[in-house]
Amino acid sequence: MAGKFEIKTTDSGKFRFNLKAGNGEVIASSQLYASLATCKGGVESVKKIAADAKIEDQTAEGFETVTNPKFEVYTDKAGEVRFRLKARNGEIVATGEGYAAKSGCLKGIESIKKNAPDAKVVVLED
């Protein structure tokens, strides 16, 4: 089963998407968008850049900085490993959940690279 982007309206009236893997698990989420059109634009950006985005592992000492688009892998304040996907312009277009281990985070990135390009887009009604 292929992945899909689900777009929904938040309680504040803004829009957010979740990219779900074929098993239904959320593998990436977006920021809030003011309109459905801009949210769909964010989805298209992820679809275009995910497969070719490089990985910048900021958890490694003396890590190499790579150009956008890229997945930034980092450790959050709680000590969990996370990623953020940055578009060519440096904007964060998707983020991942916190993982206990870097290996889980990297598997999440691989899942996005595999699922995002061909994922269908579903707009959920309230």
PDB file of N, CA and C in Angstrom:
ATOM      1  N   MET A   1       0.850  -1.195   0.000  1.00  0.00           N
ATOM      2  CA  MET A   1       0.000   0.000   0.000  1.00  0.00           C
ATOM      3  C   MET A   1       0.891   1.251   0.000  1.00  0.00           C
ATOM      4  N   ALA A   2       0.556   2.187  -0.833  1.00  0.00           N
ATOM      5  CA  ALA A   2       1.365   3.401  -0.983  1.00  0.00           C
ATOM      6  C   ALA A   2       1.071   4.405   0.133  1.00  0.00           C
ATOM      7  N   GLY A   3       2.006   5.328   0.292  1.00  0.00           N
ATOM      8  CA  GLY A   3       1.809   6.379   1.271  1.00  0.00           C
ATOM      9  C   GLY A   3       0.824   7.416   0.766  1.00  0.00           C
ATOM     10  N   LYS A   4       0.411   8.309   1.686  1.00  0.00           N
ATOM     11  CA  LYS A   4      -0.500   9.381   1.290  1.00  0.00           C
ATOM     12  C   LYS A   4      -0.296  10.597   2.176  1.00  0.00           C
ATOM     13  N   PHE A   5      -0.572  11.743   1.587  1.00  0.00           N
ATOM     14  CA  PHE A   5      -0.587  12.999   2.323  1.00  0.00           C
ATOM     15  C   PHE A   5      -2.024  13.263   2.739  1.00  0.00           C
ATOM     16  N   GLU A   6      -2.245  13.479   4.016  1.00  0.00           N
ATOM     17  CA  GLU A   6      -3.569  13.862   4.503  1.00  0.00           C
ATOM     18  C   GLU A   6      -3.505  15.314   4.941  1.00  0.00           C
ATOM     19  N   ILE A   7      -4.379  16.121   4.342  1.00  0.00           N
ATOM     20  CA  ILE A   7      -4.468  17.543   4.701  1.00  0.00           C
ATOM     21  C   ILE A   7      -5.704  17.726   5.553  1.00  0.00           C
ATOM     22  N   LYS A   8      -5.535  18.407   6.682  1.00  0.00           N
ATOM     23  CA  LYS A   8      -6.705  18.671   7.523  1.00  0.00           C
ATOM     24  C   LYS A   8      -6.676  20.098   8.041  1.00  0.00           C
ATOM     25  N   THR A   9      -7.857  20.577   8.389  1.00  0.00           N
ATOM     26  CA  THR A   9      -8.008  21.897   8.982  1.00  0.00           C
ATOM     27  C   THR A   9      -7.822  21.769  10.485  1.00  0.00           C
ATOM     28  N   THR A  10      -7.030  22.639  11.075  1.00  0.00           N
ATOM     29  CA  THR A  10      -6.802  22.604  12.519  1.00  0.00           C
ATOM     30  C   THR A  10      -7.896  23.406  13.223  1.00  0.00           C
ATOM     31  N   ASP A  11      -7.907  23.321  14.538  1.00  0.00           N
ATOM     32  CA  ASP A  11      -8.892  24.067  15.339  1.00  0.00           C
ATOM     33  C   ASP A  11      -8.766  25.573  15.127  1.00  0.00           C
ATOM     34  N   SER A  12      -7.568  26.029  14.756  1.00  0.00           N
ATOM     35  CA  SER A  12      -7.346  27.469  14.552  1.00  0.00           C
ATOM     36  C   SER A  12      -7.749  27.925  13.148  1.00  0.00           C
ATOM     37  N   GLY A  13      -8.253  26.973  12.320  1.00  0.00           N
ATOM     38  CA  GLY A  13      -8.670  27.330  10.970  1.00  0.00           C
ATOM     39  C   GLY A  13      -7.535  27.322   9.962  1.00  0.00           C
ATOM     40  N   LYS A  14      -6.369  26.886  10.385  1.00  0.00           N
ATOM     41  CA  LYS A  14      -5.237  26.768   9.457  1.00  0.00           C
ATOM     42  C   LYS A  14      -5.169  25.331   8.947  1.00  0.00           C
ATOM     43  N   PHE A  15      -4.203  25.073   8.072  1.00  0.00           N
ATOM     44  CA  PHE A  15      -4.104  23.758   7.429  1.00  0.00           C
ATOM     45  C   PHE A  15      -2.759  23.122   7.725  1.00  0.00           C
ATOM     46  N   ARG A  16      -2.756  21.783   7.834  1.00  0.00           N
ATOM     47  CA  ARG A  16      -1.541  21.019   8.100  1.00  0.00           C
ATOM     48  C   ARG A  16      -1.637  19.702   7.343  1.00  0.00           C
ATOM     49  N   PHE A  17      -0.478  19.198   6.878  1.00  0.00           N
ATOM     50  CA  PHE A  17      -0.504  17.869   6.275  1.00  0.00           C
ATOM     51  C   PHE A  17       0.336  16.899   7.094  1.00  0.00           C
ATOM     52  N   ASN A  18      -0.064  15.642   7.012  1.00  0.00           N
ATOM     53  CA  ASN A  18       0.721  14.532   7.539  1.00  0.00           C
ATOM     54  C   ASN A  18       0.994  13.600   6.374  1.00  0.00           C
ATOM     55  N   LEU A  19       2.230  13.144   6.261  1.00  0.00           N
ATOM     56  CA  LEU A  19       2.568  12.098   5.298  1.00  0.00           C
ATOM     57  C   LEU A  19       2.509  10.790   6.049  1.00  0.00           C
ATOM     58  N   LYS A  20       1.670   9.892   5.556  1.00  0.00           N
ATOM     59  CA  LYS A  20       1.517   8.590   6.201  1.00  0.00           C
ATOM     60  C   LYS A  20       2.095   7.507   5.306  1.00  0.00           C
ATOM     61  N   ALA A  21       2.781   6.547   5.940  1.00  0.00           N
ATOM     62  CA  ALA A  21       3.307   5.392   5.211  1.00  0.00           C
ATOM     63  C   ALA A  21       2.141   4.476   4.860  1.00  0.00           C
ATOM     64  N   GLY A  22       2.427   3.462   4.063  1.00  0.00           N
ATOM     65  CA  GLY A  22       1.400   2.515   3.657  1.00  0.00           C
ATOM     66  C   GLY A  22       0.701   1.840   4.819  1.00  0.00           C
ATOM     67  N   ASN A  23       1.395   1.733   5.965  1.00  0.00           N
ATOM     68  CA  ASN A  23       0.796   1.094   7.142  1.00  0.00           C
ATOM     69  C   ASN A  23      -0.035   2.076   7.977  1.00  0.00           C
ATOM     70  N   GLY A  24      -0.147   3.325   7.509  1.00  0.00           N
ATOM     71  CA  GLY A  24      -0.961   4.326   8.205  1.00  0.00           C
ATOM     72  C   GLY A  24      -0.209   5.142   9.236  1.00  0.00           C
ATOM     73  N   GLU A  25       1.053   4.829   9.468  1.00  0.00           N
ATOM     74  CA  GLU A  25       1.833   5.556  10.460  1.00  0.00           C
ATOM     75  C   GLU A  25       2.289   6.902   9.903  1.00  0.00           C
ATOM     76  N   VAL A  26       2.181   7.961  10.721  1.00  0.00           N
ATOM     77  CA  VAL A  26       2.635   9.288  10.321  1.00  0.00           C
ATOM     78  C   VAL A  26       4.160   9.302  10.312  1.00  0.00           C
ATOM     79  N   ILE A  27       4.747   9.671   9.169  1.00  0.00           N
ATOM     80  CA  ILE A  27       6.206   9.719   9.070  1.00  0.00           C
ATOM     81  C   ILE A  27       6.741  11.147   8.942  1.00  0.00           C
ATOM     82  N   ALA A  28       5.865  12.101   8.650  1.00  0.00           N
ATOM     83  CA  ALA A  28       6.282  13.512   8.614  1.00  0.00           C
ATOM     84  C   ALA A  28       5.046  14.391   8.729  1.00  0.00           C
ATOM     85  N   SER A  29       5.241  15.574   9.294  1.00  0.00           N
ATOM     86  CA  SER A  29       4.163  16.547   9.452  1.00  0.00           C
ATOM     87  C   SER A  29       4.650  17.915   8.993  1.00  0.00           C
ATOM     88  N   SER A  30       3.696  18.763   8.651  1.00  0.00           N
ATOM     89  CA  SER A  30       4.048  20.108   8.196  1.00  0.00           C
ATOM     90  C   SER A  30       3.827  21.128   9.292  1.00  0.00           C
ATOM     91  N   GLN A  31       4.250  22.332   8.986  1.00  0.00           N
ATOM     92  CA  GLN A  31       3.915  23.494   9.797  1.00  0.00           C
ATOM     93  C   GLN A  31       2.453  23.832   9.501  1.00  0.00           C
ATOM     94  N   LEU A  32       1.959  24.902  10.091  1.00  0.00           N
ATOM     95  CA  LEU A  32       0.599  25.362   9.793  1.00  0.00           C
ATOM     96  C   LEU A  32       0.638  26.306   8.601  1.00  0.00           C
ATOM     97  N   TYR A  33      -0.334  26.151   7.718  1.00  0.00           N
ATOM     98  CA  TYR A  33      -0.470  27.013   6.541  1.00  0.00           C
ATOM     99  C   TYR A  33      -1.769  27.806   6.661  1.00  0.00           C
ATOM    100  N   ALA A  34      -1.749  29.039   6.146  1.00  0.00           N
ATOM    101  CA  ALA A  34      -2.920  29.913   6.231  1.00  0.00           C
ATOM    102  C   ALA A  34      -4.047  29.465   5.311  1.00  0.00           C
ATOM    103  N   SER A  35      -3.711  28.814   4.197  1.00  0.00           N
ATOM    104  CA  SER A  35      -4.758  28.423   3.248  1.00  0.00           C
ATOM    105  C   SER A  35      -4.533  26.996   2.749  1.00  0.00           C
ATOM    106  N   LEU A  36      -5.575  26.409   2.203  1.00  0.00           N
ATOM    107  CA  LEU A  36      -5.480  25.075   1.628  1.00  0.00           C
ATOM    108  C   LEU A  36      -4.505  25.084   0.449  1.00  0.00           C
ATOM    109  N   ALA A  37      -4.534  26.147  -0.333  1.00  0.00           N
ATOM    110  CA  ALA A  37      -3.654  26.236  -1.505  1.00  0.00           C
ATOM    111  C   ALA A  37      -2.184  26.232  -1.101  1.00  0.00           C
ATOM    112  N   THR A  38      -1.819  26.985  -0.062  1.00  0.00           N
ATOM    113  CA  THR A  38      -0.420  27.012   0.355  1.00  0.00           C
ATOM    114  C   THR A  38      -0.021  25.680   0.990  1.00  0.00           C
ATOM    115  N   CYS A  39      -0.938  25.014   1.659  1.00  0.00           N
ATOM    116  CA  CYS A  39      -0.664  23.695   2.222  1.00  0.00           C
ATOM    117  C   CYS A  39      -0.403  22.687   1.098  1.00  0.00           C
ATOM    118  N   LYS A  40      -1.235  22.746   0.049  1.00  0.00           N
ATOM    119  CA  LYS A  40      -1.019  21.863  -1.109  1.00  0.00           C
ATOM    120  C   LYS A  40       0.324  22.164  -1.767  1.00  0.00           C
ATOM    121  N   GLY A  41       0.724  23.424  -1.770  1.00  0.00           N
ATOM    122  CA  GLY A  41       2.037  23.802  -2.294  1.00  0.00           C
ATOM    123  C   GLY A  41       3.161  23.173  -1.479  1.00  0.00           C
ATOM    124  N   GLY A  42       2.979  23.124  -0.158  1.00  0.00           N
ATOM    125  CA  GLY A  42       3.949  22.463   0.712  1.00  0.00           C
ATOM    126  C   GLY A  42       4.054  20.982   0.400  1.00  0.00           C
ATOM    127  N   VAL A  43       2.913  20.343   0.159  1.00  0.00           N
ATOM    128  CA  VAL A  43       2.898  18.924  -0.220  1.00  0.00           C
ATOM    129  C   VAL A  43       3.687  18.721  -1.510  1.00  0.00           C
ATOM    130  N   GLU A  44       3.421  19.568  -2.498  1.00  0.00           N
ATOM    131  CA  GLU A  44       4.117  19.438  -3.793  1.00  0.00           C
ATOM    132  C   GLU A  44       5.622  19.626  -3.629  1.00  0.00           C
ATOM    133  N   SER A  45       6.014  20.526  -2.757  1.00  0.00           N
ATOM    134  CA  SER A  45       7.430  20.746  -2.498  1.00  0.00           C
ATOM    135  C   SER A  45       8.067  19.476  -1.926  1.00  0.00           C
ATOM    136  N   VAL A  46       7.415  18.860  -0.953  1.00  0.00           N
ATOM    137  CA  VAL A  46       7.940  17.627  -0.357  1.00  0.00           C
ATOM    138  C   VAL A  46       8.020  16.527  -1.415  1.00  0.00           C
ATOM    139  N   LYS A  47       6.970  16.407  -2.243  1.00  0.00           N
ATOM    140  CA  LYS A  47       6.964  15.370  -3.282  1.00  0.00           C
ATOM    141  C   LYS A  47       8.147  15.542  -4.233  1.00  0.00           C
ATOM    142  N   LYS A  48       8.462  16.809  -4.571  1.00  0.00           N
ATOM    143  CA  LYS A  48       9.533  17.091  -5.525  1.00  0.00           C
ATOM    144  C   LYS A  48      10.927  16.865  -4.956  1.00  0.00           C
ATOM    145  N   ILE A  49      11.146  17.239  -3.707  1.00  0.00           N
ATOM    146  CA  ILE A  49      12.510  17.255  -3.176  1.00  0.00           C
ATOM    147  C   ILE A  49      12.886  16.040  -2.330  1.00  0.00           C
ATOM    148  N   ALA A  50      11.913  15.306  -1.811  1.00  0.00           N
ATOM    149  CA  ALA A  50      12.208  14.258  -0.827  1.00  0.00           C
ATOM    150  C   ALA A  50      13.172  13.192  -1.348  1.00  0.00           C
ATOM    151  N   ALA A  51      12.942  12.705  -2.550  1.00  0.00           N
ATOM    152  CA  ALA A  51      13.747  11.585  -3.057  1.00  0.00           C
ATOM    153  C   ALA A  51      15.225  11.948  -3.218  1.00  0.00           C
ATOM    154  N   ASP A  52      15.507  13.199  -3.577  1.00  0.00           N
ATOM    155  CA  ASP A  52      16.887  13.601  -3.861  1.00  0.00           C
ATOM    156  C   ASP A  52      17.559  14.395  -2.747  1.00  0.00           C
ATOM    157  N   ALA A  53      16.802  14.711  -1.681  1.00  0.00           N
ATOM    158  CA  ALA A  53      17.385  15.512  -0.599  1.00  0.00           C
ATOM    159  C   ALA A  53      18.503  14.742   0.085  1.00  0.00           C
ATOM    160  N   LYS A  54      19.582  15.455   0.357  1.00  0.00           N
ATOM    161  CA  LYS A  54      20.715  14.854   1.050  1.00  0.00           C
ATOM    162  C   LYS A  54      20.423  14.827   2.554  1.00  0.00           C
ATOM    163  N   ILE A  55      21.250  14.106   3.290  1.00  0.00           N
ATOM    164  CA  ILE A  55      21.107  14.047   4.746  1.00  0.00           C
ATOM    165  C   ILE A  55      22.294  14.764   5.377  1.00  0.00           C
ATOM    166  N   GLU A  56      21.981  15.710   6.259  1.00  0.00           N
ATOM    167  CA  GLU A  56      23.008  16.409   7.045  1.00  0.00           C
ATOM    168  C   GLU A  56      22.867  15.919   8.481  1.00  0.00           C
ATOM    169  N   ASP A  57      23.795  15.117   8.935  1.00  0.00           N
ATOM    170  CA  ASP A  57      23.728  14.509  10.266  1.00  0.00           C
ATOM    171  C   ASP A  57      24.372  15.428  11.289  1.00  0.00           C
ATOM    172  N   GLN A  58      23.560  16.265  11.914  1.00  0.00           N
ATOM    173  CA  GLN A  58      24.069  17.230  12.886  1.00  0.00           C
ATOM    174  C   GLN A  58      24.383  16.580  14.231  1.00  0.00           C
ATOM    175  N   THR A  59      24.102  15.278  14.368  1.00  0.00           N
ATOM    176  CA  THR A  59      24.460  14.579  15.603  1.00  0.00           C
ATOM    177  C   THR A  59      25.906  14.111  15.569  1.00  0.00           C
ATOM    178  N   ALA A  60      26.524  14.125  14.393  1.00  0.00           N
ATOM    179  CA  ALA A  60      27.913  13.679  14.247  1.00  0.00           C
ATOM    180  C   ALA A  60      28.858  14.845  14.534  1.00  0.00           C
ATOM    181  N   GLU A  61      29.903  14.563  15.263  1.00  0.00           N
ATOM    182  CA  GLU A  61      30.882  15.603  15.573  1.00  0.00           C
ATOM    183  C   GLU A  61      31.560  16.057  14.285  1.00  0.00           C
ATOM    184  N   GLY A  62      31.673  17.368  14.104  1.00  0.00           N
ATOM    185  CA  GLY A  62      32.312  17.912  12.915  1.00  0.00           C
ATOM    186  C   GLY A  62      31.567  17.563  11.634  1.00  0.00           C
ATOM    187  N   PHE A  63      30.238  17.507  11.717  1.00  0.00           N
ATOM    188  CA  PHE A  63      29.424  17.119  10.551  1.00  0.00           C
ATOM    189  C   PHE A  63      29.640  18.064   9.374  1.00  0.00           C
ATOM    190  N   GLU A  64      29.424  17.514   8.188  1.00  0.00           N
ATOM    191  CA  GLU A  64      29.562  18.281   6.958  1.00  0.00           C
ATOM    192  C   GLU A  64      28.232  18.953   6.624  1.00  0.00           C
ATOM    193  N   THR A  65      28.273  20.247   6.379  1.00  0.00           N
ATOM    194  CA  THR A  65      27.079  20.980   5.981  1.00  0.00           C
ATOM    195  C   THR A  65      26.803  20.694   4.508  1.00  0.00           C
ATOM    196  N   VAL A  66      25.550  20.362   4.198  1.00  0.00           N
ATOM    197  CA  VAL A  66      25.182  20.115   2.803  1.00  0.00           C
ATOM    198  C   VAL A  66      24.169  21.173   2.365  1.00  0.00           C
ATOM    199  N   THR A  67      24.031  21.348   1.059  1.00  0.00           N
ATOM    200  CA  THR A  67      23.133  22.373   0.538  1.00  0.00           C
ATOM    201  C   THR A  67      21.691  21.874   0.550  1.00  0.00           C
ATOM    202  N   ASN A  68      20.769  22.824   0.575  1.00  0.00           N
ATOM    203  CA  ASN A  68      19.340  22.502   0.499  1.00  0.00           C
ATOM    204  C   ASN A  68      19.003  22.053  -0.912  1.00  0.00           C
ATOM    205  N   PRO A  69      18.019  21.216  -1.114  1.00  0.00           N
ATOM    206  CA  PRO A  69      17.163  20.614  -0.099  1.00  0.00           C
ATOM    207  C   PRO A  69      17.902  19.526   0.673  1.00  0.00           C
ATOM    208  N   LYS A  70      17.527  19.407   1.956  1.00  0.00           N
ATOM    209  CA  LYS A  70      18.202  18.421   2.795  1.00  0.00           C
ATOM    210  C   LYS A  70      17.337  18.024   3.973  1.00  0.00           C
ATOM    211  N   PHE A  71      17.637  16.849   4.487  1.00  0.00           N
ATOM    212  CA  PHE A  71      17.099  16.402   5.762  1.00  0.00           C
ATOM    213  C   PHE A  71      18.150  16.732   6.808  1.00  0.00           C
ATOM    214  N   GLU A  72      17.788  17.519   7.800  1.00  0.00           N
ATOM    215  CA  GLU A  72      18.687  17.791   8.912  1.00  0.00           C
ATOM    216  C   GLU A  72      18.336  16.821  10.038  1.00  0.00           C
ATOM    217  N   VAL A  73      19.299  16.023  10.450  1.00  0.00           N
ATOM    218  CA  VAL A  73      19.122  15.102  11.569  1.00  0.00           C
ATOM    219  C   VAL A  73      19.769  15.761  12.783  1.00  0.00           C
ATOM    220  N   TYR A  74      19.007  15.879  13.883  1.00  0.00           N
ATOM    221  CA  TYR A  74      19.517  16.577  15.062  1.00  0.00           C
ATOM    222  C   TYR A  74      18.936  15.960  16.332  1.00  0.00           C
ATOM    223  N   THR A  75      19.521  16.315  17.465  1.00  0.00           N
ATOM    224  CA  THR A  75      19.027  15.859  18.763  1.00  0.00           C
ATOM    225  C   THR A  75      18.270  17.012  19.405  1.00  0.00           C
ATOM    226  N   ASP A  76      17.032  16.738  19.845  1.00  0.00           N
ATOM    227  CA  ASP A  76      16.216  17.802  20.455  1.00  0.00           C
ATOM    228  C   ASP A  76      16.544  17.947  21.943  1.00  0.00           C
ATOM    229  N   LYS A  77      15.860  18.890  22.621  1.00  0.00           N
ATOM    230  CA  LYS A  77      16.129  19.170  24.036  1.00  0.00           C
ATOM    231  C   LYS A  77      15.863  17.963  24.931  1.00  0.00           C
ATOM    232  N   ALA A  78      14.945  17.087  24.494  1.00  0.00           N
ATOM    233  CA  ALA A  78      14.606  15.900  25.286  1.00  0.00           C
ATOM    234  C   ALA A  78      15.567  14.738  25.031  1.00  0.00           C
ATOM    235  N   GLY A  79      16.548  14.956  24.129  1.00  0.00           N
ATOM    236  CA  GLY A  79      17.519  13.913  23.838  1.00  0.00           C
ATOM    237  C   GLY A  79      17.081  12.944  22.755  1.00  0.00           C
ATOM    238  N   GLU A  80      15.942  13.247  22.090  1.00  0.00           N
ATOM    239  CA  GLU A  80      15.475  12.389  20.998  1.00  0.00           C
ATOM    240  C   GLU A  80      16.071  12.858  19.672  1.00  0.00           C
ATOM    241  N   VAL A  81      16.219  11.928  18.742  1.00  0.00           N
ATOM    242  CA  VAL A  81      16.762  12.252  17.425  1.00  0.00           C
ATOM    243  C   VAL A  81      15.596  12.551  16.497  1.00  0.00           C
ATOM    244  N   ARG A  82      15.672  13.672  15.807  1.00  0.00           N
ATOM    245  CA  ARG A  82      14.600  14.131  14.913  1.00  0.00           C
ATOM    246  C   ARG A  82      15.185  14.544  13.573  1.00  0.00           C
ATOM    247  N   PHE A  83      14.273  14.765  12.597  1.00  0.00           N
ATOM    248  CA  PHE A  83      14.709  15.336  11.325  1.00  0.00           C
ATOM    249  C   PHE A  83      13.754  16.446  10.936  1.00  0.00           C
ATOM    250  N   ARG A  84      14.281  17.338  10.111  1.00  0.00           N
ATOM    251  CA  ARG A  84      13.457  18.363   9.455  1.00  0.00           C
ATOM    252  C   ARG A  84      13.897  18.387   8.004  1.00  0.00           C
ATOM    253  N   LEU A  85      12.924  18.486   7.119  1.00  0.00           N
ATOM    254  CA  LEU A  85      13.199  18.562   5.685  1.00  0.00           C
ATOM    255  C   LEU A  85      13.144  20.021   5.276  1.00  0.00           C
ATOM    256  N   LYS A  86      14.251  20.504   4.714  1.00  0.00           N
ATOM    257  CA  LYS A  86      14.325  21.896   4.277  1.00  0.00           C
ATOM    258  C   LYS A  86      14.279  21.958   2.758  1.00  0.00           C
ATOM    259  N   ALA A  87      13.484  22.885   2.251  1.00  0.00           N
ATOM    260  CA  ALA A  87      13.358  23.107   0.808  1.00  0.00           C
ATOM    261  C   ALA A  87      14.594  23.850   0.298  1.00  0.00           C
ATOM    262  N   ARG A  88      14.640  24.038  -1.004  1.00  0.00           N
ATOM    263  CA  ARG A  88      15.786  24.737  -1.614  1.00  0.00           C
ATOM    264  C   ARG A  88      16.004  26.124  -1.013  1.00  0.00           C
ATOM    265  N   ASN A  89      14.898  26.790  -0.618  1.00  0.00           N
ATOM    266  CA  ASN A  89      15.000  28.150  -0.076  1.00  0.00           C
ATOM    267  C   ASN A  89      15.307  28.170   1.426  1.00  0.00           C
ATOM    268  N   GLY A  90      15.495  26.978   2.020  1.00  0.00           N
ATOM    269  CA  GLY A  90      15.828  26.918   3.443  1.00  0.00           C
ATOM    270  C   GLY A  90      14.627  26.808   4.366  1.00  0.00           C
ATOM    271  N   GLU A  91      13.423  26.910   3.809  1.00  0.00           N
ATOM    272  CA  GLU A  91      12.211  26.781   4.625  1.00  0.00           C
ATOM    273  C   GLU A  91      12.031  25.330   5.066  1.00  0.00           C
ATOM    274  N   ILE A  92      11.593  25.145   6.309  1.00  0.00           N
ATOM    275  CA  ILE A  92      11.286  23.798   6.791  1.00  0.00           C
ATOM    276  C   ILE A  92       9.904  23.418   6.259  1.00  0.00           C
ATOM    277  N   VAL A  93       9.840  22.326   5.476  1.00  0.00           N
ATOM    278  CA  VAL A  93       8.562  21.918   4.881  1.00  0.00           C
ATOM    279  C   VAL A  93       7.968  20.686   5.549  1.00  0.00           C
ATOM    280  N   ALA A  94       8.761  19.959   6.322  1.00  0.00           N
ATOM    281  CA  ALA A  94       8.238  18.795   7.039  1.00  0.00           C
ATOM    282  C   ALA A  94       9.181  18.448   8.182  1.00  0.00           C
ATOM    283  N   THR A  95       8.600  17.900   9.246  1.00  0.00           N
ATOM    284  CA  THR A  95       9.384  17.464  10.396  1.00  0.00           C
ATOM    285  C   THR A  95       8.950  16.060  10.792  1.00  0.00           C
ATOM    286  N   GLY A  96       9.829  15.377  11.496  1.00  0.00           N
ATOM    287  CA  GLY A  96       9.521  14.027  11.946  1.00  0.00           C
ATOM    288  C   GLY A  96       9.334  13.973  13.445  1.00  0.00           C
ATOM    289  N   GLU A  97       8.834  12.843  13.908  1.00  0.00           N
ATOM    290  CA  GLU A  97       8.674  12.612  15.337  1.00  0.00           C
ATOM    291  C   GLU A  97      10.046  12.422  15.981  1.00  0.00           C
ATOM    292  N   GLY A  98      10.069  12.368  17.298  1.00  0.00           N
ATOM    293  CA  GLY A  98      11.303  12.087  18.000  1.00  0.00           C
ATOM    294  C   GLY A  98      11.553  10.588  18.055  1.00  0.00           C
ATOM    295  N   TYR A  99      12.786  10.188  17.816  1.00  0.00           N
ATOM    296  CA  TYR A  99      13.171   8.776  17.855  1.00  0.00           C
ATOM    297  C   TYR A  99      14.181   8.573  18.971  1.00  0.00           C
ATOM    298  N   ALA A 100      14.144   7.423  19.619  1.00  0.00           N
ATOM    299  CA  ALA A 100      15.100   7.109  20.672  1.00  0.00           C
ATOM    300  C   ALA A 100      16.495   6.894  20.094  1.00  0.00           C
ATOM    301  N   ALA A 101      16.559   6.360  18.875  1.00  0.00           N
ATOM    302  CA  ALA A 101      17.850   6.063  18.255  1.00  0.00           C
ATOM    303  C   ALA A 101      17.935   6.693  16.874  1.00  0.00           C
ATOM    304  N   LYS A 102      19.150   7.047  16.466  1.00  0.00           N
ATOM    305  CA  LYS A 102      19.363   7.640  15.148  1.00  0.00           C
ATOM    306  C   LYS A 102      18.928   6.685  14.044  1.00  0.00           C
ATOM    307  N   SER A 103      19.110   5.390  14.242  1.00  0.00           N
ATOM    308  CA  SER A 103      18.730   4.412  13.215  1.00  0.00           C
ATOM    309  C   SER A 103      17.233   4.511  12.892  1.00  0.00           C
ATOM    310  N   GLY A 104      16.408   4.725  13.897  1.00  0.00           N
ATOM    311  CA  GLY A 104      14.965   4.884  13.662  1.00  0.00           C
ATOM    312  C   GLY A 104      14.666   6.138  12.869  1.00  0.00           C
ATOM    313  N   CYS A 105      15.368   7.219  13.169  1.00  0.00           N
ATOM    314  CA  CYS A 105      15.203   8.478  12.450  1.00  0.00           C
ATOM    315  C   CYS A 105      15.585   8.298  10.983  1.00  0.00           C
ATOM    316  N   LEU A 106      16.707   7.623  10.735  1.00  0.00           N
ATOM    317  CA  LEU A 106      17.157   7.404   9.354  1.00  0.00           C
ATOM    318  C   LEU A 106      16.178   6.513   8.588  1.00  0.00           C
ATOM    319  N   LYS A 107      15.560   5.556   9.274  1.00  0.00           N
ATOM    320  CA  LYS A 107      14.534   4.717   8.629  1.00  0.00           C
ATOM    321  C   LYS A 107      13.326   5.574   8.262  1.00  0.00           C
ATOM    322  N   GLY A 108      12.976   6.529   9.133  1.00  0.00           N
ATOM    323  CA  GLY A 108      11.882   7.448   8.828  1.00  0.00           C
ATOM    324  C   GLY A 108      12.172   8.262   7.578  1.00  0.00           C
ATOM    325  N   ILE A 109      13.396   8.747   7.446  1.00  0.00           N
ATOM    326  CA  ILE A 109      13.797   9.509   6.257  1.00  0.00           C
ATOM    327  C   ILE A 109      13.701   8.634   5.014  1.00  0.00           C
ATOM    328  N   GLU A 110      14.190   7.404   5.100  1.00  0.00           N
ATOM    329  CA  GLU A 110      14.112   6.486   3.956  1.00  0.00           C
ATOM    330  C   GLU A 110      12.663   6.243   3.553  1.00  0.00           C
ATOM    331  N   SER A 111      11.785   6.147   4.544  1.00  0.00           N
ATOM    332  CA  SER A 111      10.359   5.942   4.264  1.00  0.00           C
ATOM    333  C   SER A 111       9.772   7.146   3.520  1.00  0.00           C
ATOM    334  N   ILE A 112      10.184   8.339   3.902  1.00  0.00           N
ATOM    335  CA  ILE A 112       9.712   9.545   3.212  1.00  0.00           C
ATOM    336  C   ILE A 112      10.223   9.558   1.774  1.00  0.00           C
ATOM    337  N   LYS A 113      11.507   9.255   1.584  1.00  0.00           N
ATOM    338  CA  LYS A 113      12.080   9.230   0.238  1.00  0.00           C
ATOM    339  C   LYS A 113      11.318   8.247  -0.659  1.00  0.00           C
ATOM    340  N   LYS A 114      10.884   7.136  -0.064  1.00  0.00           N
ATOM    341  CA  LYS A 114      10.185   6.102  -0.817  1.00  0.00           C
ATOM    342  C   LYS A 114       8.703   6.466  -1.050  1.00  0.00           C
ATOM    343  N   ASN A 115       8.048   6.996  -0.025  1.00  0.00           N
ATOM    344  CA  ASN A 115       6.607   7.213  -0.078  1.00  0.00           C
ATOM    345  C   ASN A 115       6.167   8.550  -0.680  1.00  0.00           C
ATOM    346  N   ALA A 116       6.915   9.622  -0.418  1.00  0.00           N
ATOM    347  CA  ALA A 116       6.446  10.964  -0.782  1.00  0.00           C
ATOM    348  C   ALA A 116       6.247  11.208  -2.277  1.00  0.00           C
ATOM    349  N   PRO A 117       7.196  10.812  -3.149  1.00  0.00           N
ATOM    350  CA  PRO A 117       7.063  11.214  -4.556  1.00  0.00           C
ATOM    351  C   PRO A 117       5.765  10.790  -5.227  1.00  0.00           C
ATOM    352  N   ASP A 118       5.252   9.613  -4.904  1.00  0.00           N
ATOM    353  CA  ASP A 118       4.045   9.112  -5.574  1.00  0.00           C
ATOM    354  C   ASP A 118       2.826   9.071  -4.664  1.00  0.00           C
ATOM    355  N   ALA A 119       2.931   9.658  -3.489  1.00  0.00           N
ATOM    356  CA  ALA A 119       1.813   9.597  -2.547  1.00  0.00           C
ATOM    357  C   ALA A 119       0.624  10.403  -3.047  1.00  0.00           C
ATOM    358  N   LYS A 120      -0.567   9.849  -2.847  1.00  0.00           N
ATOM    359  CA  LYS A 120      -1.765  10.603  -3.221  1.00  0.00           C
ATOM    360  C   LYS A 120      -2.053  11.630  -2.136  1.00  0.00           C
ATOM    361  N   VAL A 121      -2.828  12.643  -2.495  1.00  0.00           N
ATOM    362  CA  VAL A 121      -3.163  13.716  -1.568  1.00  0.00           C
ATOM    363  C   VAL A 121      -4.650  13.627  -1.257  1.00  0.00           C
ATOM    364  N   VAL A 122      -4.969  13.576   0.030  1.00  0.00           N
ATOM    365  CA  VAL A 122      -6.359  13.474   0.479  1.00  0.00           C
ATOM    366  C   VAL A 122      -6.643  14.662   1.389  1.00  0.00           C
ATOM    367  N   VAL A 123      -7.702  15.404   1.068  1.00  0.00           N
ATOM    368  CA  VAL A 123      -8.127  16.507   1.919  1.00  0.00           C
ATOM    369  C   VAL A 123      -9.245  15.975   2.814  1.00  0.00           C
ATOM    370  N   LEU A 124      -8.992  15.945   4.123  1.00  0.00           N
ATOM    371  CA  LEU A 124      -9.980  15.428   5.068  1.00  0.00           C
ATOM    372  C   LEU A 124     -11.006  16.514   5.379  1.00  0.00           C
ATOM    373  N   GLU A 125     -12.249  16.109   5.362  1.00  0.00           N
ATOM    374  CA  GLU A 125     -13.326  17.048   5.715  1.00  0.00           C
ATOM    375  C   GLU A 125     -13.518  17.013   7.231  1.00  0.00           C
ATOM    376  N   ASP A 126     -13.972  18.122   7.780  1.00  0.00           N
ATOM    377  CA  ASP A 126     -14.217  18.180   9.237  1.00  0.00           C
ATOM    378  C   ASP A 126     -15.348  17.266   9.630  1.00  0.00           C
TER     379      ASP A 126
END
